[in-house]
N, C-alpha and C. Protein backbone atom coordinates (compact mmCIF):
# COMPACT_ATOMS: atom_id res chain seq x y z
N MET A 1 239.07 73.31 40.49
CA MET A 1 238.90 72.75 41.71
C MET A 1 237.42 73.40 42.00
N ASP A 2 236.35 72.47 42.57
CA ASP A 2 234.92 72.87 42.87
C ASP A 2 235.47 73.19 44.43
N LEU A 3 234.99 74.66 44.69
CA LEU A 3 235.02 75.11 45.95
C LEU A 3 233.88 75.36 46.52
N THR A 4 232.68 75.17 45.77
CA THR A 4 231.14 75.50 46.50
C THR A 4 230.97 74.94 47.68
N HIS A 5 231.76 74.08 48.14
CA HIS A 5 231.44 73.34 49.54
C HIS A 5 232.10 74.18 50.44
N VAL A 6 233.25 74.89 50.41
CA VAL A 6 233.97 75.36 51.11
C VAL A 6 233.17 76.58 52.41
N LYS A 7 233.34 76.09 53.59
CA LYS A 7 232.56 76.92 54.41
C LYS A 7 233.30 78.04 55.33
N ALA A 8 235.06 77.70 55.57
CA ALA A 8 235.50 78.33 56.38
C ALA A 8 236.90 78.47 55.67
N ILE A 9 237.48 79.99 56.00
CA ILE A 9 239.01 80.07 55.54
C ILE A 9 239.76 80.32 56.79
N VAL A 10 240.79 79.55 57.13
CA VAL A 10 241.56 79.90 58.37
C VAL A 10 242.93 80.18 57.73
N PHE A 11 243.45 80.98 59.06
CA PHE A 11 244.76 81.66 58.49
C PHE A 11 245.66 81.42 59.31
N ASP A 12 247.02 81.58 58.92
CA ASP A 12 247.99 81.65 59.85
C ASP A 12 247.97 83.17 60.15
N LEU A 13 248.77 83.44 61.13
CA LEU A 13 248.84 85.09 61.51
C LEU A 13 250.09 85.73 61.03
N GLU A 14 251.26 85.76 61.68
CA GLU A 14 252.55 86.24 61.29
C GLU A 14 253.09 85.96 59.88
N GLY A 15 252.95 86.65 58.96
CA GLY A 15 253.77 86.36 57.57
C GLY A 15 252.50 86.24 56.80
N THR A 16 251.24 86.22 57.24
CA THR A 16 250.01 85.87 56.18
C THR A 16 249.14 87.04 56.71
N LEU A 17 248.65 87.14 57.60
CA LEU A 17 247.75 88.36 57.80
C LEU A 17 248.47 89.86 58.51
N LEU A 18 249.72 89.30 59.12
CA LEU A 18 250.63 90.41 59.60
C LEU A 18 251.73 90.59 59.11
N ASP A 19 251.99 91.76 58.63
CA ASP A 19 253.38 91.75 57.67
C ASP A 19 254.46 91.66 58.66
N ARG A 20 255.14 90.33 58.88
CA ARG A 20 256.08 90.24 59.83
C ARG A 20 257.46 90.73 59.55
N ASN A 21 257.89 91.08 58.31
CA ASN A 21 259.17 91.72 58.18
C ASN A 21 259.15 93.38 58.33
N LYS A 22 257.78 93.67 58.00
CA LYS A 22 257.91 95.21 58.41
C LYS A 22 257.57 95.51 59.99
N SER A 23 256.96 94.57 60.36
CA SER A 23 256.83 94.73 61.88
C SER A 23 258.29 94.35 62.82
N ARG A 24 258.96 93.65 62.37
CA ARG A 24 260.36 93.08 62.93
C ARG A 24 261.16 94.47 62.74
N GLU A 25 261.31 94.78 61.51
CA GLU A 25 262.18 95.61 61.24
C GLU A 25 261.80 97.23 62.05
N LYS A 26 260.55 97.48 62.58
CA LYS A 26 260.15 98.48 63.07
C LYS A 26 260.53 98.41 64.40
N PHE A 27 260.40 97.27 64.98
CA PHE A 27 260.76 97.05 66.33
C PHE A 27 262.11 97.06 66.55
N ILE A 28 263.16 96.40 65.50
CA ILE A 28 264.70 96.38 65.68
C ILE A 28 265.01 97.87 65.83
N GLU A 29 264.54 98.81 64.84
CA GLU A 29 264.80 100.29 64.72
C GLU A 29 264.72 100.71 66.13
N GLU A 30 263.43 100.71 66.52
CA GLU A 30 263.45 101.25 67.78
C GLU A 30 263.76 100.90 69.08
N GLN A 31 264.24 99.44 68.98
CA GLN A 31 265.00 98.73 70.19
C GLN A 31 266.39 99.35 70.10
N TYR A 32 266.93 99.81 68.90
CA TYR A 32 268.33 100.19 68.93
C TYR A 32 267.86 101.75 69.35
N GLU A 33 267.17 102.48 69.29
CA GLU A 33 267.27 103.76 69.53
C GLU A 33 267.12 103.84 71.03
N ARG A 34 266.03 102.88 71.54
CA ARG A 34 265.99 103.00 73.00
C ARG A 34 267.47 102.49 73.89
N PHE A 35 268.10 101.82 73.25
CA PHE A 35 269.24 101.60 73.75
C PHE A 35 270.63 102.07 73.22
N HIS A 36 270.32 103.33 72.49
CA HIS A 36 271.43 103.84 71.73
C HIS A 36 272.73 104.31 72.74
N ASP A 37 272.20 104.81 73.59
CA ASP A 37 273.61 105.04 74.53
C ASP A 37 274.39 103.95 74.67
N TYR A 38 274.08 102.87 74.94
CA TYR A 38 274.81 101.41 74.96
C TYR A 38 275.29 101.18 73.83
N PHE A 39 274.78 101.35 72.35
CA PHE A 39 275.18 100.97 71.52
C PHE A 39 276.31 101.87 70.49
N VAL A 40 276.75 102.66 71.10
CA VAL A 40 277.46 103.75 70.57
C VAL A 40 278.66 103.08 69.48
N ARG A 41 278.89 102.00 69.61
CA ARG A 41 280.00 101.25 68.73
C ARG A 41 279.53 100.54 67.69
N ILE A 42 278.06 100.33 67.54
CA ILE A 42 277.28 99.54 66.74
C ILE A 42 276.37 100.39 65.87
N GLN A 43 276.60 100.06 64.45
CA GLN A 43 275.65 100.52 63.50
C GLN A 43 274.15 100.28 63.62
N LEU A 44 273.20 100.70 63.34
CA LEU A 44 271.96 100.34 63.12
C LEU A 44 271.96 99.24 62.19
N GLU A 45 272.47 99.15 60.87
CA GLU A 45 272.57 98.11 59.95
C GLU A 45 273.10 97.01 60.40
N ASP A 46 274.16 97.23 61.17
CA ASP A 46 274.57 95.96 61.86
C ASP A 46 273.94 95.30 62.81
N PHE A 47 273.34 96.06 63.59
CA PHE A 47 272.44 95.42 64.65
C PHE A 47 271.02 94.67 64.13
N LYS A 48 270.55 95.44 63.11
CA LYS A 48 269.40 95.03 62.36
C LYS A 48 269.69 93.53 61.73
N ARG A 49 270.99 93.75 60.94
CA ARG A 49 271.53 92.25 60.16
C ARG A 49 271.62 91.33 61.17
N LYS A 50 272.15 91.47 62.13
CA LYS A 50 272.42 90.19 63.29
C LYS A 50 271.16 89.81 63.94
N PHE A 51 270.22 90.69 64.26
CA PHE A 51 268.93 90.05 64.57
C PHE A 51 268.06 89.09 63.54
N ILE A 52 268.12 89.75 62.54
CA ILE A 52 267.34 89.17 61.40
C ILE A 52 268.14 87.67 61.27
N GLU A 53 269.30 87.80 61.20
CA GLU A 53 270.07 86.60 60.72
C GLU A 53 269.62 85.33 61.93
N LEU A 54 269.91 85.93 63.28
CA LEU A 54 269.64 84.87 64.17
C LEU A 54 268.19 84.54 64.47
N ASP A 55 267.12 85.41 64.12
CA ASP A 55 265.82 85.25 64.77
C ASP A 55 265.25 84.43 63.73
N ASP A 56 264.49 83.31 64.35
CA ASP A 56 263.37 82.06 63.70
C ASP A 56 262.04 82.63 64.03
N ASP A 57 261.76 83.79 64.21
CA ASP A 57 260.32 84.38 64.56
C ASP A 57 259.65 83.48 65.80
N GLU A 58 260.36 82.85 66.47
CA GLU A 58 259.74 82.04 67.61
C GLU A 58 259.83 83.10 69.04
N ASP A 59 258.83 83.54 69.83
CA ASP A 59 259.27 84.16 70.95
C ASP A 59 260.14 83.49 71.77
N HIS A 60 260.03 81.89 71.83
CA HIS A 60 260.96 81.45 72.83
C HIS A 60 262.55 81.58 72.83
N ASP A 61 262.69 82.08 71.20
CA ASP A 61 264.16 81.89 70.86
C ASP A 61 264.95 83.15 71.35
N LYS A 62 264.24 84.19 71.76
CA LYS A 62 264.96 85.33 71.91
C LYS A 62 265.95 85.64 72.83
N PRO A 63 266.02 84.69 74.18
CA PRO A 63 267.00 84.85 74.93
C PRO A 63 268.42 84.37 74.34
N GLU A 64 268.24 83.25 73.68
CA GLU A 64 269.71 82.97 72.77
C GLU A 64 269.93 84.08 71.73
N LEU A 65 268.89 84.44 71.27
CA LEU A 65 269.25 85.64 69.96
C LEU A 65 269.89 86.81 70.99
N TYR A 66 269.55 87.17 72.40
CA TYR A 66 270.33 88.46 72.66
C TYR A 66 271.58 88.14 73.37
N LYS A 67 271.58 86.92 73.84
CA LYS A 67 272.95 86.32 74.42
C LYS A 67 274.07 86.52 73.53
N ALA A 68 273.61 86.08 72.10
CA ALA A 68 274.52 85.96 70.83
C ALA A 68 274.97 87.52 70.75
N ILE A 69 273.88 88.51 70.48
CA ILE A 69 273.91 89.67 70.09
C ILE A 69 275.10 90.50 71.32
N ILE A 70 274.81 90.14 72.50
CA ILE A 70 275.73 90.73 73.79
C ILE A 70 277.02 90.24 73.49
N LYS A 71 277.33 88.89 72.85
CA LYS A 71 278.74 88.55 72.90
C LYS A 71 279.31 88.66 71.39
N ASP A 72 278.60 88.92 70.59
CA ASP A 72 279.24 89.21 69.16
C ASP A 72 279.54 90.62 69.13
N PHE A 73 278.51 91.40 69.59
CA PHE A 73 278.89 93.31 69.53
C PHE A 73 280.05 93.59 71.03
N HIS A 74 280.31 92.76 71.54
CA HIS A 74 281.01 92.74 73.00
C HIS A 74 280.46 94.05 73.72
N ILE A 75 279.17 93.81 74.22
CA ILE A 75 278.39 94.69 75.08
C ILE A 75 278.71 94.58 76.35
N ASP A 76 279.14 95.67 76.88
CA ASP A 76 279.27 95.45 78.50
C ASP A 76 278.75 96.06 79.46
N ARG A 77 277.82 96.94 79.19
CA ARG A 77 277.18 97.52 79.96
C ARG A 77 275.34 97.21 80.09
N LEU A 78 275.50 96.12 79.40
CA LEU A 78 273.82 95.52 79.24
C LEU A 78 273.94 94.34 79.29
N THR A 79 273.00 93.48 79.94
CA THR A 79 272.82 92.15 79.72
C THR A 79 271.78 91.33 78.93
N TRP A 80 271.77 90.48 78.43
CA TRP A 80 270.87 89.71 77.53
C TRP A 80 269.60 90.25 78.00
N LYS A 81 269.25 89.74 79.34
CA LYS A 81 268.08 89.94 80.15
C LYS A 81 267.68 91.43 79.97
N ASP A 82 268.17 92.37 79.80
CA ASP A 82 267.79 93.92 79.61
C ASP A 82 267.29 94.04 78.25
N LEU A 83 267.97 93.38 77.26
CA LEU A 83 267.00 93.44 75.96
C LEU A 83 265.98 92.35 75.93
N PHE A 84 266.03 91.31 76.32
CA PHE A 84 264.99 90.49 76.32
C PHE A 84 263.73 90.78 77.12
N SER A 85 263.89 91.59 78.12
CA SER A 85 262.75 92.43 78.99
C SER A 85 262.25 93.41 78.12
N ASP A 86 263.24 94.27 77.22
CA ASP A 86 262.69 95.20 76.21
C ASP A 86 261.76 94.43 75.45
N PHE A 87 262.19 93.36 74.75
CA PHE A 87 261.47 92.87 73.62
C PHE A 87 260.38 92.38 74.23
N GLU A 88 259.83 91.64 75.30
CA GLU A 88 258.73 91.08 76.02
C GLU A 88 257.61 92.53 76.14
N MET A 89 258.38 93.59 76.65
CA MET A 89 257.25 94.77 77.09
C MET A 89 256.79 95.24 75.72
N HIS A 90 257.73 95.19 74.45
CA HIS A 90 257.40 96.43 73.59
C HIS A 90 256.94 95.57 72.21
N PHE A 91 257.57 94.39 71.82
CA PHE A 91 257.05 93.90 70.68
C PHE A 91 255.88 93.60 70.32
N TYR A 92 255.14 93.17 71.23
CA TYR A 92 253.59 92.76 70.85
C TYR A 92 252.88 94.16 70.19
N ARG A 93 253.59 95.46 70.40
CA ARG A 93 252.78 96.57 69.74
C ARG A 93 253.05 96.88 68.26
N TYR A 94 254.25 96.04 67.77
CA TYR A 94 254.70 96.38 66.43
C TYR A 94 253.80 95.63 65.55
N VAL A 95 252.79 96.14 64.97
CA VAL A 95 251.75 95.10 64.46
C VAL A 95 251.32 96.00 63.08
N PHE A 96 251.87 95.51 61.80
CA PHE A 96 251.60 95.98 60.94
C PHE A 96 250.95 95.08 59.80
N PRO A 97 249.69 95.21 59.21
CA PRO A 97 248.89 94.51 58.52
C PRO A 97 249.52 94.66 56.82
N TYR A 98 249.20 93.55 55.96
CA TYR A 98 249.34 94.04 54.60
C TYR A 98 248.33 94.84 54.26
N TYR A 99 248.69 95.47 53.14
CA TYR A 99 247.58 96.60 52.42
C TYR A 99 246.24 95.84 52.11
N ASP A 100 245.96 94.50 52.13
CA ASP A 100 244.52 94.14 52.21
C ASP A 100 243.86 93.15 52.92
N THR A 101 244.98 93.20 54.09
CA THR A 101 244.48 92.16 55.16
C THR A 101 243.00 92.50 55.60
N GLN A 102 242.64 94.03 55.87
CA GLN A 102 241.33 93.75 56.62
C GLN A 102 240.38 93.86 55.62
N TYR A 103 240.42 94.52 54.33
CA TYR A 103 239.39 94.49 53.47
C TYR A 103 239.15 92.94 53.06
N THR A 104 240.28 91.94 52.97
CA THR A 104 239.88 90.57 52.65
C THR A 104 239.10 89.91 53.59
N LEU A 105 239.36 90.00 54.99
CA LEU A 105 238.81 89.44 56.08
C LEU A 105 237.23 90.07 55.93
N GLU A 106 237.09 91.22 55.83
CA GLU A 106 235.98 91.89 55.73
C GLU A 106 234.69 91.26 54.59
N LYS A 107 235.41 91.17 53.33
CA LYS A 107 234.81 90.62 52.65
C LYS A 107 234.44 89.18 52.71
N LEU A 108 235.20 88.04 53.02
CA LEU A 108 234.85 87.05 53.48
C LEU A 108 233.79 86.83 54.38
N THR A 109 233.89 87.50 55.42
CA THR A 109 232.64 87.58 56.44
C THR A 109 231.53 87.97 55.62
N GLN A 110 231.52 88.92 54.95
CA GLN A 110 230.36 89.34 54.07
C GLN A 110 229.75 88.47 53.07
N TYR A 111 230.56 87.76 52.59
CA TYR A 111 230.23 86.23 51.69
C TYR A 111 229.71 85.12 52.48
N GLY A 112 229.60 85.28 53.97
CA GLY A 112 229.26 84.37 54.77
C GLY A 112 230.32 82.90 55.07
N TYR A 113 231.42 83.40 54.85
CA TYR A 113 232.49 82.48 55.31
C TYR A 113 232.64 82.62 56.87
N LEU A 114 232.98 81.23 57.44
CA LEU A 114 233.56 81.19 58.76
C LEU A 114 234.94 81.81 58.85
N THR A 115 235.50 82.39 59.37
CA THR A 115 237.20 82.63 59.63
C THR A 115 237.58 82.32 60.94
N GLY A 116 238.98 81.60 60.79
CA GLY A 116 239.81 81.24 61.73
C GLY A 116 241.15 81.59 61.60
N VAL A 117 241.74 81.82 62.97
CA VAL A 117 243.45 82.22 62.89
C VAL A 117 244.07 81.15 63.83
N ILE A 118 245.12 80.43 63.42
CA ILE A 118 245.90 79.32 63.99
C ILE A 118 247.06 80.03 64.27
N ALA A 119 247.61 80.10 65.37
CA ALA A 119 249.09 80.76 65.61
C ALA A 119 249.72 80.05 66.74
N ASN A 120 251.00 80.04 66.88
CA ASN A 120 251.86 79.33 67.79
C ASN A 120 252.18 80.55 68.88
N GLY A 121 252.13 80.67 70.01
CA GLY A 121 252.68 81.37 70.99
C GLY A 121 251.33 81.74 72.06
N LYS A 122 251.47 82.96 72.86
CA LYS A 122 250.63 83.44 73.82
C LYS A 122 249.20 83.91 73.18
N SER A 123 248.02 83.54 73.89
CA SER A 123 246.76 83.74 73.54
C SER A 123 246.75 85.36 73.69
N LYS A 124 246.85 85.90 74.51
CA LYS A 124 246.81 87.22 75.10
C LYS A 124 247.39 88.26 73.86
N ILE A 125 248.73 87.93 73.45
CA ILE A 125 249.38 88.57 72.46
C ILE A 125 248.80 88.42 71.32
N LYS A 126 248.43 87.20 71.06
CA LYS A 126 247.80 86.99 69.42
C LYS A 126 246.33 87.64 69.34
N GLN A 127 245.73 87.69 70.54
CA GLN A 127 244.45 88.22 70.48
C GLN A 127 244.78 90.21 70.49
N PHE A 128 245.65 90.21 71.04
CA PHE A 128 246.01 91.82 70.64
C PHE A 128 246.55 92.13 69.38
N ARG A 129 247.10 91.27 68.77
CA ARG A 129 247.33 91.65 67.32
C ARG A 129 246.26 91.47 66.39
N LEU A 130 245.38 90.54 66.73
CA LEU A 130 243.85 90.81 65.66
C LEU A 130 243.10 92.06 65.91
N HIS A 131 243.24 92.39 67.07
CA HIS A 131 242.58 93.65 67.67
C HIS A 131 243.34 94.95 66.57
N ALA A 132 244.79 94.94 66.81
CA ALA A 132 245.57 95.95 66.36
C ALA A 132 245.60 95.95 64.64
N LEU A 133 245.42 94.58 64.05
CA LEU A 133 245.15 94.74 62.77
C LEU A 133 243.88 95.17 62.38
N GLY A 134 243.01 95.30 63.19
CA GLY A 134 241.35 95.65 62.91
C GLY A 134 240.69 94.86 62.35
N ILE A 135 241.08 93.29 62.62
CA ILE A 135 240.21 92.22 61.99
C ILE A 135 239.81 91.51 63.15
N GLU A 136 239.72 91.83 64.44
CA GLU A 136 239.29 90.94 65.39
C GLU A 136 237.89 90.56 65.27
N ASP A 137 236.81 91.31 64.79
CA ASP A 137 235.40 91.33 64.57
C ASP A 137 235.15 90.62 63.36
N ASN A 138 236.20 90.21 62.61
CA ASN A 138 235.88 89.40 61.68
C ASN A 138 236.92 87.79 61.57
N VAL A 139 237.05 87.64 62.74
CA VAL A 139 237.68 86.43 63.08
C VAL A 139 236.75 85.63 63.93
N ASN A 140 236.31 84.43 63.79
CA ASN A 140 235.50 83.57 64.57
C ASN A 140 236.05 82.85 65.61
N TYR A 141 237.36 82.58 65.38
CA TYR A 141 237.94 81.99 66.36
C TYR A 141 239.32 81.83 66.06
N LEU A 142 240.05 82.05 67.60
CA LEU A 142 241.72 82.09 67.62
C LEU A 142 242.14 80.70 68.03
N SER A 143 242.94 79.96 67.48
CA SER A 143 243.41 78.84 68.32
C SER A 143 244.92 78.93 68.30
N THR A 144 245.44 78.96 69.42
CA THR A 144 246.83 79.19 69.76
C THR A 144 247.32 78.15 70.68
N SER A 145 248.79 77.74 70.46
CA SER A 145 249.29 76.90 71.02
C SER A 145 249.40 76.92 72.72
N GLU A 146 249.19 78.04 73.15
CA GLU A 146 249.05 78.14 74.67
C GLU A 146 247.76 77.28 74.99
N THR A 147 246.45 77.58 74.34
CA THR A 147 245.22 77.10 74.62
C THR A 147 245.18 75.40 74.46
N VAL A 148 245.82 75.21 73.06
CA VAL A 148 245.40 73.85 72.90
C VAL A 148 246.58 73.01 73.38
N GLY A 149 247.74 73.47 73.82
CA GLY A 149 248.97 72.56 74.31
C GLY A 149 250.06 71.90 73.24
N TYR A 150 249.78 72.27 72.01
CA TYR A 150 250.61 71.66 70.73
C TYR A 150 250.57 72.90 69.86
N ARG A 151 252.06 72.94 69.45
CA ARG A 151 252.26 73.83 68.39
C ARG A 151 252.07 73.16 67.10
N LYS A 152 251.79 74.41 66.03
CA LYS A 152 251.89 73.89 64.62
C LYS A 152 253.48 73.43 64.23
N PRO A 153 253.48 72.25 63.55
CA PRO A 153 252.36 71.55 62.89
C PRO A 153 251.85 70.46 63.36
N HIS A 154 251.66 70.54 64.80
CA HIS A 154 250.82 69.02 65.14
C HIS A 154 249.57 69.24 64.86
N PRO A 155 249.08 68.04 64.47
CA PRO A 155 247.67 68.31 63.80
C PRO A 155 246.34 68.72 64.98
N LYS A 156 246.93 68.39 66.32
CA LYS A 156 246.00 68.68 67.41
C LYS A 156 245.28 70.04 67.22
N ILE A 157 246.47 71.22 66.95
CA ILE A 157 245.88 72.59 67.03
C ILE A 157 245.05 72.76 65.56
N PHE A 158 245.12 71.80 64.33
CA PHE A 158 244.27 72.09 63.31
C PHE A 158 243.04 71.24 63.96
N GLU A 159 242.89 70.34 64.31
CA GLU A 159 241.68 69.82 64.91
C GLU A 159 240.94 70.62 65.87
N ASP A 160 241.60 71.05 66.80
CA ASP A 160 241.05 72.04 67.46
C ASP A 160 240.08 73.60 66.59
N MET A 161 240.81 73.84 65.82
CA MET A 161 240.15 74.78 64.92
C MET A 161 238.85 74.43 64.14
N LEU A 162 238.87 73.06 63.81
CA LEU A 162 237.69 72.45 63.29
C LEU A 162 236.60 71.94 64.02
N THR A 163 236.86 71.70 65.32
CA THR A 163 236.21 71.73 65.95
C THR A 163 235.25 72.68 66.62
N GLN A 164 236.09 73.84 66.84
CA GLN A 164 235.34 75.19 67.19
C GLN A 164 234.61 75.76 66.11
N LEU A 165 235.06 75.34 64.78
CA LEU A 165 234.40 76.15 63.52
C LEU A 165 233.29 75.18 63.37
N GLY A 166 233.17 74.05 63.57
CA GLY A 166 232.34 73.05 63.28
C GLY A 166 232.45 72.65 61.97
N THR A 167 233.39 72.28 61.19
CA THR A 167 233.56 72.28 59.68
C THR A 167 234.38 70.87 59.58
N LYS A 168 234.04 70.33 58.62
CA LYS A 168 235.17 69.34 58.17
C LYS A 168 236.41 69.62 57.63
N PRO A 169 237.45 68.88 57.38
CA PRO A 169 238.58 69.22 56.66
C PRO A 169 238.70 69.75 55.58
N GLU A 170 237.64 68.76 54.53
CA GLU A 170 237.44 69.27 53.00
C GLU A 170 236.51 70.61 52.88
N GLU A 171 235.97 70.86 53.79
CA GLU A 171 234.89 72.09 53.85
C GLU A 171 235.92 73.29 54.51
N THR A 172 237.03 73.18 54.56
CA THR A 172 237.97 74.42 55.08
C THR A 172 239.08 74.55 54.35
N MET A 173 239.49 75.73 54.11
CA MET A 173 240.44 76.28 53.40
C MET A 173 241.48 76.81 54.23
N TYR A 174 242.81 76.66 54.23
CA TYR A 174 243.73 77.11 55.16
C TYR A 174 245.14 77.73 54.44
N VAL A 175 245.21 78.97 54.93
CA VAL A 175 246.17 79.88 54.27
C VAL A 175 247.38 80.20 54.96
N GLY A 176 248.43 80.06 54.63
CA GLY A 176 249.82 80.25 55.42
C GLY A 176 250.91 80.19 54.43
N ASP A 177 251.96 81.19 55.30
CA ASP A 177 253.15 81.22 54.23
C ASP A 177 254.25 80.17 54.70
N ASP A 178 254.26 79.12 55.58
CA ASP A 178 255.46 78.23 55.90
C ASP A 178 255.02 76.89 55.53
N PRO A 179 255.85 76.61 54.37
CA PRO A 179 255.47 75.09 53.92
C PRO A 179 255.42 73.94 54.86
N LEU A 180 256.15 74.26 56.15
CA LEU A 180 256.38 73.02 57.00
C LEU A 180 255.26 73.28 57.91
N ASN A 181 255.17 74.45 58.73
CA ASN A 181 254.10 74.33 59.60
C ASN A 181 252.74 74.90 59.14
N ASP A 182 252.37 75.26 58.04
CA ASP A 182 251.28 75.76 57.47
C ASP A 182 250.80 74.91 56.33
N VAL A 183 251.38 74.71 55.26
CA VAL A 183 251.08 74.16 54.13
C VAL A 183 250.92 72.60 54.35
N ALA A 184 251.89 71.92 54.57
CA ALA A 184 251.95 70.53 54.46
C ALA A 184 251.07 69.80 55.60
N PRO A 185 250.99 70.55 56.88
CA PRO A 185 250.03 69.72 57.92
C PRO A 185 248.72 70.09 57.60
N ALA A 186 248.35 71.28 56.96
CA ALA A 186 246.89 71.48 56.65
C ALA A 186 246.53 70.33 55.65
N ARG A 187 247.19 70.59 54.25
CA ARG A 187 246.98 69.22 53.64
C ARG A 187 246.93 67.86 53.99
N ALA A 188 247.71 67.44 55.16
CA ALA A 188 247.63 66.25 55.52
C ALA A 188 246.09 66.02 56.24
N MET A 189 245.85 67.15 56.96
CA MET A 189 244.35 66.93 57.57
C MET A 189 243.34 67.04 56.52
N GLY A 190 243.70 67.12 55.20
CA GLY A 190 242.41 67.07 54.40
C GLY A 190 241.71 68.70 54.08
N MET A 191 242.68 69.35 54.49
CA MET A 191 241.97 70.96 54.19
C MET A 191 242.64 71.35 52.65
N ILE A 192 241.86 72.34 52.28
CA ILE A 192 242.44 72.78 51.08
C ILE A 192 243.59 73.62 51.33
N SER A 193 244.63 73.61 50.84
CA SER A 193 245.79 74.38 51.16
C SER A 193 246.14 75.72 50.20
N VAL A 194 246.61 76.41 50.83
CA VAL A 194 246.81 77.64 50.27
C VAL A 194 248.21 78.15 50.66
N TRP A 195 249.40 78.41 49.88
CA TRP A 195 250.57 78.78 50.20
C TRP A 195 250.59 80.58 49.75
N PHE A 196 250.74 81.16 50.92
CA PHE A 196 250.99 82.68 50.89
C PHE A 196 252.58 82.90 50.60
N LYS A 197 252.79 83.14 49.33
CA LYS A 197 254.30 83.14 48.98
C LYS A 197 254.67 84.52 48.71
N GLU A 198 255.85 85.04 49.58
CA GLU A 198 256.33 86.30 49.38
C GLU A 198 257.42 86.21 48.55
N ASP A 199 257.98 87.31 47.65
CA ASP A 199 259.30 87.11 46.81
C ASP A 199 260.34 87.11 47.79
N ASN A 200 260.33 87.67 48.88
CA ASN A 200 261.56 88.01 49.44
C ASN A 200 261.68 87.05 50.39
N GLU A 201 260.77 86.06 50.67
CA GLU A 201 261.19 85.01 51.64
C GLU A 201 262.08 83.87 51.12
N ASN A 202 262.41 82.73 52.02
CA ASN A 202 263.19 81.84 51.90
C ASN A 202 263.20 80.98 50.94
N ASP A 203 264.00 80.18 50.50
CA ASP A 203 263.75 79.05 49.45
C ASP A 203 263.08 77.91 49.57
N LEU A 204 262.49 77.97 50.78
CA LEU A 204 261.74 76.95 51.02
C LEU A 204 260.53 76.63 50.35
N THR A 205 260.16 75.82 49.52
CA THR A 205 258.79 75.55 49.14
C THR A 205 258.51 74.27 49.40
N PRO A 206 256.94 74.42 49.46
CA PRO A 206 256.13 73.48 49.71
C PRO A 206 256.25 72.20 48.45
N LEU A 207 256.16 70.72 48.64
CA LEU A 207 255.67 70.03 47.52
C LEU A 207 254.59 70.26 46.67
N PRO A 208 254.59 70.22 45.46
CA PRO A 208 253.51 70.30 44.40
C PRO A 208 252.09 69.49 45.01
N GLU A 209 252.35 68.76 45.60
CA GLU A 209 251.21 67.62 45.90
C GLU A 209 250.70 68.39 47.26
N GLU A 210 251.32 69.26 48.00
CA GLU A 210 250.93 69.79 49.27
C GLU A 210 250.05 70.99 49.12
N VAL A 211 250.03 71.69 47.92
CA VAL A 211 249.61 72.83 47.47
C VAL A 211 248.39 72.99 46.59
N ASP A 212 247.34 73.42 47.06
CA ASP A 212 246.16 73.36 45.97
C ASP A 212 246.19 74.79 45.52
N PHE A 213 246.49 75.96 45.90
CA PHE A 213 246.64 77.11 45.44
C PHE A 213 247.93 77.92 45.94
N THR A 214 248.52 78.87 45.14
CA THR A 214 249.56 79.61 45.52
C THR A 214 249.32 81.18 45.41
N ILE A 215 249.30 81.97 46.36
CA ILE A 215 248.80 83.52 46.13
C ILE A 215 249.91 84.29 46.66
N LYS A 216 249.93 85.56 46.10
CA LYS A 216 250.94 86.54 46.79
C LYS A 216 250.34 87.96 47.50
N THR A 217 249.10 87.66 47.54
CA THR A 217 248.21 88.70 48.36
C THR A 217 247.03 87.90 48.97
N THR A 218 246.37 88.17 49.97
CA THR A 218 245.24 87.90 50.60
C THR A 218 244.17 87.92 49.64
N GLU A 219 244.10 89.15 49.06
CA GLU A 219 243.18 89.31 48.08
C GLU A 219 242.76 88.48 46.98
N GLU A 220 243.56 87.88 46.43
CA GLU A 220 243.73 86.90 45.61
C GLU A 220 242.54 86.00 45.87
N LEU A 221 242.61 85.60 47.44
CA LEU A 221 241.51 84.65 47.76
C LEU A 221 240.07 84.84 47.35
N LEU A 222 239.84 86.26 47.25
CA LEU A 222 238.32 86.47 46.76
C LEU A 222 238.37 86.09 45.33
N SER A 223 239.15 86.09 44.71
CA SER A 223 239.05 85.64 43.06
C SER A 223 239.03 84.21 43.19
N ILE A 224 239.62 83.81 43.66
CA ILE A 224 239.79 82.13 43.80
C ILE A 224 238.23 81.60 44.20
N LEU A 225 237.69 82.26 45.49
CA LEU A 225 236.44 81.84 46.05
C LEU A 225 235.32 82.35 45.01
N SER A 226 235.38 83.26 44.32
CA SER A 226 234.31 83.98 43.70
C SER A 226 233.76 82.89 42.78
N ILE A 227 234.46 82.06 42.26
CA ILE A 227 234.08 81.07 41.50
C ILE A 227 232.67 80.24 41.96
N SER A 228 233.01 79.83 43.20
CA SER A 228 232.14 79.29 44.37
C SER A 228 231.00 80.01 44.45
N LYS A 229 230.97 81.08 44.34
CA LYS A 229 229.84 82.00 45.01
C LYS A 229 229.01 82.26 43.66
N LYS A 230 229.15 82.23 42.44
CA LYS A 230 228.36 82.32 41.60
C LYS A 230 226.78 81.19 41.45
N GLY A 231 225.89 82.17 41.24
CA GLY A 231 224.78 81.31 41.48
C GLY A 231 224.24 80.95 43.01
N ARG A 232 224.96 81.68 44.19
CA ARG A 232 224.56 81.61 45.62
C ARG A 232 223.38 82.58 45.46
């Protein structure tokens, strides 16, 4: 595929630039410790397993998640609101990048690419995460569902990014880990789609016609794009 016309690289955030599994597990462990006196009959591994089983990675699902935890573990000295308040207060601080996140973004900027991030959720929290990842200065635009009024996979949030970057779909590469929220809608928009595939993720895979490239590390993008940089 000829990539000499590519001007911008747009990323999903959680699970693509941010190590969602590591960040979530660290939060779960420390939330367990914060409420340890109330969890005396609950083992950490059981609490972690139930949280991950119920979690769909969306902030708005957490009240139901904590209601289920209170019920399933028969916790009687806490309410789901106590746990949810703790989540709202602390979770945004648990931000772990992949080993090559910062390096890749710096190189893309150095090579002259525009960069963007599309994320479902609150703008303030997502902006903090970019800062904590150390990539805030290497992201030209952040598009969130709070700002746009539409959540991925709605095309409006992808259109907003293209408008802000000033690029056409065919000039834009999109990188994400979710086949339904990232890969398929980006390809439907006419973008070059890249599936960030982790070995430990679920079995959901995009259709072959929806994917232009598959990577396991963001650094692989540099090898893919170096072809288009020869001679520049």
